[in-house]
Amino acid sequence: MNNKRRRQMLALGVIATLSVHFGCVTSKPEMAWVRTDGQRIVDDPALLQQGKTDIAFCHANLDAGAADEAARQCMAQKGYALVRKDQAEEARAAYAAVTAQRGPIPSAR
């Protein structure tokens, strides 16, 4: 392989590598709704259904894209916080600990 061809291949490799790295940096993390009372939604079919209803009412379906400010405020009034999906369980546990210290919070519904 001649030097010119080797430099072209190296340049293509560098460009491909940088593209992958920049793609990772600019992509937004997946988000999830977490109940601020610390209850685990997936453990309770009634809470799961309520969550689906609240998401539909607030137009806060994360599969359809990022929730706008109005959706976030609506969900907050219904007792949810938007967190990174990879931190959802940690956030839920923190909310549960605060709720346990304060006692149950009256429903905002």
Protein backbone atom coordinates (compact mmCIF):
# COMPACT_ATOMS: atom_id res chain seq x y z
CA MET A 1 0.00 0.00 0.00
CA ASN A 2 1.49 3.37 -0.94
CA ASN A 3 1.77 6.31 1.47
CA LYS A 4 -1.05 8.29 -0.14
CA ARG A 5 -3.48 5.37 0.12
CA ARG A 6 -2.39 4.69 3.71
CA ARG A 7 -3.02 8.35 4.68
CA GLN A 8 -6.47 8.25 3.05
CA MET A 9 -7.39 5.10 4.98
CA LEU A 10 -6.08 6.60 8.22
CA ALA A 11 -8.04 9.82 7.63
CA LEU A 12 -11.23 7.85 6.98
CA GLY A 13 -10.67 5.87 10.17
CA VAL A 14 -10.16 9.04 12.20
CA ILE A 15 -13.28 10.65 10.70
CA ALA A 16 -15.36 7.55 11.43
CA THR A 17 -14.09 7.38 15.01
CA LEU A 18 -14.77 11.07 15.65
CA SER A 19 -18.24 10.76 14.15
CA VAL A 20 -19.11 7.99 16.57
CA HIS A 21 -17.77 9.96 19.54
CA PHE A 22 -19.53 13.18 18.57
CA GLY A 23 -22.75 11.25 17.94
CA CYS A 24 -22.61 9.94 21.49
CA VAL A 25 -21.95 13.38 22.94
CA THR A 26 -24.80 15.10 21.15
CA SER A 27 -27.45 12.44 21.64
CA LYS A 28 -29.89 13.14 24.44
CA PRO A 29 -30.22 10.65 27.28
CA GLU A 30 -33.41 8.62 27.54
CA MET A 31 -35.77 10.07 30.10
CA ALA A 32 -38.44 8.56 32.37
CA TRP A 33 -41.24 9.76 34.63
CA VAL A 34 -40.81 8.89 38.32
CA ARG A 35 -43.46 9.33 41.00
CA THR A 36 -42.41 11.90 43.58
CA ASP A 37 -44.01 9.85 46.36
CA GLY A 38 -41.44 7.13 45.65
CA GLN A 39 -43.92 4.44 44.67
CA ARG A 40 -42.68 2.02 42.02
CA ILE A 41 -45.17 2.19 39.15
CA VAL A 42 -44.37 -1.21 37.66
CA ASP A 43 -45.18 -2.95 40.97
CA ASP A 44 -48.81 -1.86 40.94
CA PRO A 45 -51.17 -2.28 37.96
CA ALA A 46 -53.40 0.55 39.24
CA LEU A 47 -50.42 2.94 39.43
CA LEU A 48 -49.29 1.84 35.98
CA GLN A 49 -52.73 2.60 34.55
CA GLN A 50 -52.85 5.92 36.41
CA GLY A 51 -49.42 6.80 35.00
CA LYS A 52 -50.58 6.05 31.46
CA THR A 53 -53.68 8.19 32.02
CA ASP A 54 -51.63 11.06 33.45
CA ILE A 55 -49.14 10.91 30.57
CA ALA A 56 -51.96 10.99 28.02
CA PHE A 57 -53.76 13.84 29.82
CA CYS A 58 -50.56 15.91 30.06
CA HIS A 59 -49.39 15.08 26.51
CA ALA A 60 -46.16 13.85 28.09
CA ASN A 61 -45.45 10.67 26.13
CA LEU A 62 -41.67 10.45 26.01
CA ASP A 63 -41.80 8.02 23.08
CA ALA A 64 -43.23 10.85 20.98
CA GLY A 65 -40.26 13.12 21.80
CA ALA A 66 -39.15 15.37 24.61
CA ALA A 67 -41.81 16.65 26.98
CA ASP A 68 -42.25 20.40 26.69
CA GLU A 69 -42.50 22.73 29.68
CA ALA A 70 -46.31 22.51 29.81
CA ALA A 71 -46.14 18.70 29.92
CA ARG A 72 -43.53 18.82 32.66
CA GLN A 73 -45.60 21.21 34.77
CA CYS A 74 -48.73 19.13 34.27
CA MET A 75 -46.92 15.95 35.29
CA ALA A 76 -45.35 17.72 38.29
CA GLN A 77 -48.82 18.72 39.48
CA LYS A 78 -49.83 15.08 39.23
CA GLY A 79 -46.81 13.97 41.28
CA TYR A 80 -44.13 13.02 38.74
CA ALA A 81 -40.59 14.16 38.01
CA LEU A 82 -38.72 13.75 34.74
CA VAL A 83 -35.34 12.06 35.27
CA ARG A 84 -32.72 10.31 33.18
CA LYS A 85 -33.86 6.74 32.59
CA ASP A 86 -30.55 5.33 33.84
CA GLN A 87 -31.07 7.22 37.12
CA ALA A 88 -34.80 6.55 37.53
CA GLU A 89 -34.51 3.86 40.20
CA GLU A 90 -32.07 5.95 42.22
CA ALA A 91 -34.39 8.98 42.00
CA ARG A 92 -37.43 6.88 42.94
CA ALA A 93 -35.59 5.50 45.98
CA ALA A 94 -34.61 9.02 47.04
CA TYR A 95 -38.23 10.19 46.75
CA ALA A 96 -39.35 7.11 48.72
CA ALA A 97 -36.86 7.92 51.50
CA VAL A 98 -38.09 11.52 51.74
CA THR A 99 -41.71 10.38 51.75
CA ALA A 100 -40.97 7.85 54.50
CA GLN A 101 -39.43 10.60 56.65
CA ARG A 102 -42.36 13.01 56.11
CA GLY A 103 -45.18 10.52 56.00
CA PRO A 104 -47.61 10.16 53.08
CA ILE A 105 -48.24 13.21 50.92
CA PRO A 106 -51.88 13.87 50.01
CA SER A 107 -52.67 13.15 46.37
CA ALA A 108 -52.55 16.13 43.98
CA ARG A 109 -55.24 14.62 41.75
